[in-house]
Every structure is written in C-alpha cells, then in structure tokens.
Amino acid sequence: MAIEYGGRDITLIAGEDLSSYQYHFVHQENDTQATLLDSATEFPIGVLQNAPAEGEAAVIRVE
C-alpha cells in the first residue's frame, strides 16, 4: 500500500538571492527572512523548495 506524505511548508522572505539554491538547507535569519547556512553553528530550519530572488517568498519544507 502506497502512502503519500505531502510535508509541511512555511513561507519566509528570501534575505538574499536564493535563485541558484533550490533544495539547499536554509536557516531563519530573523522573524521574517531566510538565508543560506554560512557557518557550522547555524541550525537549518528546512530545505528550500523554490528559487526566489532577494525579497521574494521562499517556500521552505520543514517536515
């Protein structure tokens, strides 16, 4: 029996150009922005599902 799991997405504003980073891990920079991980101490909140430019909506798969 096949089971489909759609996951859970959240939307934040891209804090930088993420147009070349679809399916990369991102973290929450502040209350409204997501950026790429740029140090080993940052905690990823999920995987980027689209390819937004800076200031556009970033869809992030969290589950």
PDB file of N, CA and C in Angstrom:
ATOM      1  N   MET A   1       0.843  -1.176   0.000  1.00  0.00           N
ATOM      2  CA  MET A   1       0.000   0.000   0.000  1.00  0.00           C
ATOM      3  C   MET A   1       0.891   1.242   0.000  1.00  0.00           C
ATOM      4  N   ALA A   2       0.662   2.125  -0.934  1.00  0.00           N
ATOM      5  CA  ALA A   2       1.445   3.353  -1.038  1.00  0.00           C
ATOM      6  C   ALA A   2       0.887   4.416  -0.105  1.00  0.00           C
ATOM      7  N   ILE A   3       1.792   5.151   0.494  1.00  0.00           N
ATOM      8  CA  ILE A   3       1.403   6.251   1.380  1.00  0.00           C
ATOM      9  C   ILE A   3       2.064   7.520   0.868  1.00  0.00           C
ATOM     10  N   GLU A   4       1.273   8.551   0.707  1.00  0.00           N
ATOM     11  CA  GLU A   4       1.817   9.830   0.265  1.00  0.00           C
ATOM     12  C   GLU A   4       1.896  10.776   1.447  1.00  0.00           C
ATOM     13  N   TYR A   5       3.045  11.417   1.599  1.00  0.00           N
ATOM     14  CA  TYR A   5       3.218  12.402   2.656  1.00  0.00           C
ATOM     15  C   TYR A   5       3.606  13.711   2.002  1.00  0.00           C
ATOM     16  N   GLY A   6       2.760  14.715   2.105  1.00  0.00           N
ATOM     17  CA  GLY A   6       2.988  15.981   1.440  1.00  0.00           C
ATOM     18  C   GLY A   6       3.977  16.887   2.133  1.00  0.00           C
ATOM     19  N   GLY A   7       4.256  16.645   3.406  1.00  0.00           N
ATOM     20  CA  GLY A   7       5.178  17.505   4.127  1.00  0.00           C
ATOM     21  C   GLY A   7       4.492  18.766   4.613  1.00  0.00           C
ATOM     22  N   ARG A   8       5.265  19.606   5.252  1.00  0.00           N
ATOM     23  CA  ARG A   8       4.750  20.870   5.774  1.00  0.00           C
ATOM     24  C   ARG A   8       5.691  21.984   5.343  1.00  0.00           C
ATOM     25  N   ASP A   9       5.148  22.993   4.697  1.00  0.00           N
ATOM     26  CA  ASP A   9       5.944  24.111   4.202  1.00  0.00           C
ATOM     27  C   ASP A   9       5.619  25.382   4.971  1.00  0.00           C
ATOM     28  N   ILE A  10       6.628  26.228   5.117  1.00  0.00           N
ATOM     29  CA  ILE A  10       6.430  27.574   5.638  1.00  0.00           C
ATOM     30  C   ILE A  10       6.964  28.548   4.597  1.00  0.00           C
ATOM     31  N   THR A  11       6.543  29.791   4.682  1.00  0.00           N
ATOM     32  CA  THR A  11       6.999  30.813   3.747  1.00  0.00           C
ATOM     33  C   THR A  11       7.645  31.954   4.516  1.00  0.00           C
ATOM     34  N   LEU A  12       8.865  32.285   4.124  1.00  0.00           N
ATOM     35  CA  LEU A  12       9.587  33.438   4.659  1.00  0.00           C
ATOM     36  C   LEU A  12      10.083  34.253   3.474  1.00  0.00           C
ATOM     37  N   ILE A  13      10.568  35.447   3.734  1.00  0.00           N
ATOM     38  CA  ILE A  13      11.150  36.290   2.690  1.00  0.00           C
ATOM     39  C   ILE A  13      12.614  35.898   2.497  1.00  0.00           C
ATOM     40  N   ALA A  14      13.052  35.799   1.249  1.00  0.00           N
ATOM     41  CA  ALA A  14      14.456  35.493   0.972  1.00  0.00           C
ATOM     42  C   ALA A  14      15.309  36.694   1.366  1.00  0.00           C
ATOM     43  N   GLY A  15      16.220  36.500   2.303  1.00  0.00           N
ATOM     44  CA  GLY A  15      17.090  37.570   2.782  1.00  0.00           C
ATOM     45  C   GLY A  15      18.281  37.817   1.883  1.00  0.00           C
ATOM     46  N   GLU A  16      18.440  36.985   0.858  1.00  0.00           N
ATOM     47  CA  GLU A  16      19.493  37.128  -0.144  1.00  0.00           C
ATOM     48  C   GLU A  16      19.015  36.409  -1.403  1.00  0.00           C
ATOM     49  N   ASP A  17      19.765  36.534  -2.488  1.00  0.00           N
ATOM     50  CA  ASP A  17      19.378  35.870  -3.732  1.00  0.00           C
ATOM     51  C   ASP A  17      19.556  34.358  -3.573  1.00  0.00           C
ATOM     52  N   LEU A  18      18.460  33.631  -3.595  1.00  0.00           N
ATOM     53  CA  LEU A  18      18.490  32.174  -3.448  1.00  0.00           C
ATOM     54  C   LEU A  18      18.106  31.470  -4.748  1.00  0.00           C
ATOM     55  N   SER A  19      18.149  32.197  -5.863  1.00  0.00           N
ATOM     56  CA  SER A  19      17.667  31.652  -7.130  1.00  0.00           C
ATOM     57  C   SER A  19      18.496  30.474  -7.637  1.00  0.00           C
ATOM     58  N   SER A  20      19.711  30.296  -7.158  1.00  0.00           N
ATOM     59  CA  SER A  20      20.553  29.166  -7.572  1.00  0.00           C
ATOM     60  C   SER A  20      20.651  28.086  -6.505  1.00  0.00           C
ATOM     61  N   TYR A  21      19.802  28.148  -5.476  1.00  0.00           N
ATOM     62  CA  TYR A  21      19.962  27.257  -4.327  1.00  0.00           C
ATOM     63  C   TYR A  21      18.710  26.452  -3.974  1.00  0.00           C
ATOM     64  N   GLN A  22      17.885  26.150  -4.979  1.00  0.00           N
ATOM     65  CA  GLN A  22      16.721  25.305  -4.718  1.00  0.00           C
ATOM     66  C   GLN A  22      17.192  23.959  -4.165  1.00  0.00           C
ATOM     67  N   TYR A  23      16.494  23.443  -3.158  1.00  0.00           N
ATOM     68  CA  TYR A  23      16.777  22.177  -2.472  1.00  0.00           C
ATOM     69  C   TYR A  23      18.031  22.217  -1.593  1.00  0.00           C
ATOM     70  N   HIS A  24      18.474  23.401  -1.201  1.00  0.00           N
ATOM     71  CA  HIS A  24      19.561  23.540  -0.231  1.00  0.00           C
ATOM     72  C   HIS A  24      18.968  23.842   1.144  1.00  0.00           C
ATOM     73  N   PHE A  25      19.736  23.542   2.193  1.00  0.00           N
ATOM     74  CA  PHE A  25      19.306  23.876   3.548  1.00  0.00           C
ATOM     75  C   PHE A  25      19.381  25.379   3.769  1.00  0.00           C
ATOM     76  N   VAL A  26      18.391  25.925   4.478  1.00  0.00           N
ATOM     77  CA  VAL A  26      18.371  27.345   4.828  1.00  0.00           C
ATOM     78  C   VAL A  26      18.093  27.483   6.322  1.00  0.00           C
ATOM     79  N   HIS A  27      18.373  28.662   6.840  1.00  0.00           N
ATOM     80  CA  HIS A  27      18.053  28.937   8.242  1.00  0.00           C
ATOM     81  C   HIS A  27      17.273  30.235   8.328  1.00  0.00           C
ATOM     82  N   GLN A  28      16.639  30.443   9.462  1.00  0.00           N
ATOM     83  CA  GLN A  28      15.837  31.642   9.680  1.00  0.00           C
ATOM     84  C   GLN A  28      16.745  32.726  10.241  1.00  0.00           C
ATOM     85  N   GLU A  29      16.961  33.773   9.453  1.00  0.00           N
ATOM     86  CA  GLU A  29      17.851  34.872   9.829  1.00  0.00           C
ATOM     87  C   GLU A  29      17.238  35.728  10.933  1.00  0.00           C
ATOM     88  N   ASN A  30      15.956  36.041  10.795  1.00  0.00           N
ATOM     89  CA  ASN A  30      15.218  36.808  11.807  1.00  0.00           C
ATOM     90  C   ASN A  30      13.751  36.371  11.727  1.00  0.00           C
ATOM     91  N   ASP A  31      12.839  37.169  12.224  1.00  0.00           N
ATOM     92  CA  ASP A  31      11.428  36.763  12.252  1.00  0.00           C
ATOM     93  C   ASP A  31      10.817  36.545  10.871  1.00  0.00           C
ATOM     94  N   THR A  32      11.361  37.202   9.844  1.00  0.00           N
ATOM     95  CA  THR A  32      10.710  37.152   8.535  1.00  0.00           C
ATOM     96  C   THR A  32      11.597  36.675   7.393  1.00  0.00           C
ATOM     97  N   GLN A  33      12.904  36.482   7.602  1.00  0.00           N
ATOM     98  CA  GLN A  33      13.809  36.195   6.492  1.00  0.00           C
ATOM     99  C   GLN A  33      14.524  34.854   6.623  1.00  0.00           C
ATOM    100  N   ALA A  34      14.762  34.238   5.466  1.00  0.00           N
ATOM    101  CA  ALA A  34      15.537  33.003   5.383  1.00  0.00           C
ATOM    102  C   ALA A  34      16.772  33.254   4.531  1.00  0.00           C
ATOM    103  N   THR A  35      17.908  32.674   4.950  1.00  0.00           N
ATOM    104  CA  THR A  35      19.155  32.770   4.195  1.00  0.00           C
ATOM    105  C   THR A  35      19.844  31.410   4.188  1.00  0.00           C
ATOM    106  N   LEU A  36      20.861  31.282   3.339  1.00  0.00           N
ATOM    107  CA  LEU A  36      21.642  30.051   3.294  1.00  0.00           C
ATOM    108  C   LEU A  36      22.444  29.885   4.573  1.00  0.00           C
ATOM    109  N   LEU A  37      22.754  28.657   4.896  1.00  0.00           N
ATOM    110  CA  LEU A  37      23.654  28.399   6.020  1.00  0.00           C
ATOM    111  C   LEU A  37      25.045  28.890   5.626  1.00  0.00           C
ATOM    112  N   ASP A  38      25.700  29.654   6.495  1.00  0.00           N
ATOM    113  CA  ASP A  38      27.053  30.097   6.172  1.00  0.00           C
ATOM    114  C   ASP A  38      28.043  29.862   7.306  1.00  0.00           C
ATOM    115  N   SER A  39      27.675  29.050   8.272  1.00  0.00           N
ATOM    116  CA  SER A  39      28.630  28.619   9.296  1.00  0.00           C
ATOM    117  C   SER A  39      28.147  27.307   9.893  1.00  0.00           C
ATOM    118  N   ALA A  40      29.060  26.601  10.512  1.00  0.00           N
ATOM    119  CA  ALA A  40      28.719  25.304  11.098  1.00  0.00           C
ATOM    120  C   ALA A  40      27.867  25.438  12.351  1.00  0.00           C
ATOM    121  N   THR A  41      27.756  26.640  12.893  1.00  0.00           N
ATOM    122  CA  THR A  41      26.989  26.835  14.126  1.00  0.00           C
ATOM    123  C   THR A  41      25.531  27.190  13.870  1.00  0.00           C
ATOM    124  N   GLU A  42      25.156  27.466  12.615  1.00  0.00           N
ATOM    125  CA  GLU A  42      23.769  27.803  12.301  1.00  0.00           C
ATOM    126  C   GLU A  42      22.930  26.535  12.189  1.00  0.00           C
ATOM    127  N   PHE A  43      21.693  26.623  12.630  1.00  0.00           N
ATOM    128  CA  PHE A  43      20.790  25.480  12.637  1.00  0.00           C
ATOM    129  C   PHE A  43      19.831  25.579  11.453  1.00  0.00           C
ATOM    130  N   PRO A  44      19.796  24.583  10.567  1.00  0.00           N
ATOM    131  CA  PRO A  44      18.870  24.644   9.432  1.00  0.00           C
ATOM    132  C   PRO A  44      17.426  24.452   9.887  1.00  0.00           C
ATOM    133  N   ILE A  45      16.521  25.234   9.292  1.00  0.00           N
ATOM    134  CA  ILE A  45      15.105  25.047   9.616  1.00  0.00           C
ATOM    135  C   ILE A  45      14.411  24.176   8.583  1.00  0.00           C
ATOM    136  N   GLY A  46      15.028  24.010   7.414  1.00  0.00           N
ATOM    137  CA  GLY A  46      14.407  23.195   6.387  1.00  0.00           C
ATOM    138  C   GLY A  46      15.118  23.294   5.054  1.00  0.00           C
ATOM    139  N   VAL A  47      14.453  22.779   4.017  1.00  0.00           N
ATOM    140  CA  VAL A  47      15.013  22.729   2.671  1.00  0.00           C
ATOM    141  C   VAL A  47      14.214  23.661   1.767  1.00  0.00           C
ATOM    142  N   LEU A  48      14.915  24.516   1.052  1.00  0.00           N
ATOM    143  CA  LEU A  48      14.290  25.473   0.140  1.00  0.00           C
ATOM    144  C   LEU A  48      13.622  24.731  -1.013  1.00  0.00           C
ATOM    145  N   GLN A  49      12.339  25.011  -1.265  1.00  0.00           N
ATOM    146  CA  GLN A  49      11.571  24.307  -2.290  1.00  0.00           C
ATOM    147  C   GLN A  49      11.443  25.072  -3.601  1.00  0.00           C
ATOM    148  N   ASN A  50      11.745  26.364  -3.589  1.00  0.00           N
ATOM    149  CA  ASN A  50      11.667  27.154  -4.823  1.00  0.00           C
ATOM    150  C   ASN A  50      12.991  27.898  -5.008  1.00  0.00           C
ATOM    151  N   ALA A  51      13.043  28.843  -5.915  1.00  0.00           N
ATOM    152  CA  ALA A  51      14.282  29.551  -6.229  1.00  0.00           C
ATOM    153  C   ALA A  51      14.026  31.062  -6.240  1.00  0.00           C
ATOM    154  N   PRO A  52      13.785  31.665  -5.070  1.00  0.00           N
ATOM    155  CA  PRO A  52      13.432  33.086  -5.031  1.00  0.00           C
ATOM    156  C   PRO A  52      14.642  34.010  -5.112  1.00  0.00           C
ATOM    157  N   ALA A  53      14.433  35.160  -5.712  1.00  0.00           N
ATOM    158  CA  ALA A  53      15.426  36.231  -5.661  1.00  0.00           C
ATOM    159  C   ALA A  53      15.277  36.932  -4.308  1.00  0.00           C
ATOM    160  N   GLU A  54      16.202  37.808  -3.986  1.00  0.00           N
ATOM    161  CA  GLU A  54      16.134  38.532  -2.712  1.00  0.00           C
ATOM    162  C   GLU A  54      14.823  39.311  -2.620  1.00  0.00           C
ATOM    163  N   GLY A  55      14.140  39.189  -1.491  1.00  0.00           N
ATOM    164  CA  GLY A  55      12.890  39.897  -1.266  1.00  0.00           C
ATOM    165  C   GLY A  55      11.643  39.144  -1.699  1.00  0.00           C
ATOM    166  N   GLU A  56      11.807  38.028  -2.400  1.00  0.00           N
ATOM    167  CA  GLU A  56      10.659  37.223  -2.823  1.00  0.00           C
ATOM    168  C   GLU A  56      10.339  36.162  -1.776  1.00  0.00           C
ATOM    169  N   ALA A  57       9.193  35.524  -1.925  1.00  0.00           N
ATOM    170  CA  ALA A  57       8.760  34.492  -0.985  1.00  0.00           C
ATOM    171  C   ALA A  57       9.589  33.220  -1.165  1.00  0.00           C
ATOM    172  N   ALA A  58      10.130  32.721  -0.058  1.00  0.00           N
ATOM    173  CA  ALA A  58      10.895  31.476  -0.047  1.00  0.00           C
ATOM    174  C   ALA A  58      10.046  30.399   0.623  1.00  0.00           C
ATOM    175  N   VAL A  59       9.760  29.333  -0.103  1.00  0.00           N
ATOM    176  CA  VAL A  59       8.976  28.221   0.437  1.00  0.00           C
ATOM    177  C   VAL A  59       9.958  27.193   0.996  1.00  0.00           C
ATOM    178  N   ILE A  60       9.790  26.864   2.286  1.00  0.00           N
ATOM    179  CA  ILE A  60      10.742  26.002   2.982  1.00  0.00           C
ATOM    180  C   ILE A  60      10.012  24.783   3.536  1.00  0.00           C
ATOM    181  N   ARG A  61      10.489  23.597   3.176  1.00  0.00           N
ATOM    182  CA  ARG A  61       9.917  22.343   3.690  1.00  0.00           C
ATOM    183  C   ARG A  61      10.544  22.078   5.057  1.00  0.00           C
ATOM    184  N   VAL A  62       9.689  22.043   6.086  1.00  0.00           N
ATOM    185  CA  VAL A  62      10.186  21.871   7.451  1.00  0.00           C
ATOM    186  C   VAL A  62       9.910  20.481   8.010  1.00  0.00           C
ATOM    187  N   GLU A  63       9.014  19.735   7.424  1.00  0.00           N
ATOM    188  CA  GLU A  63       8.731  18.359   7.873  1.00  0.00           C
ATOM    189  C   GLU A  63       8.591  17.469   6.672  1.00  0.00           C
TER     190      GLU A  63
END
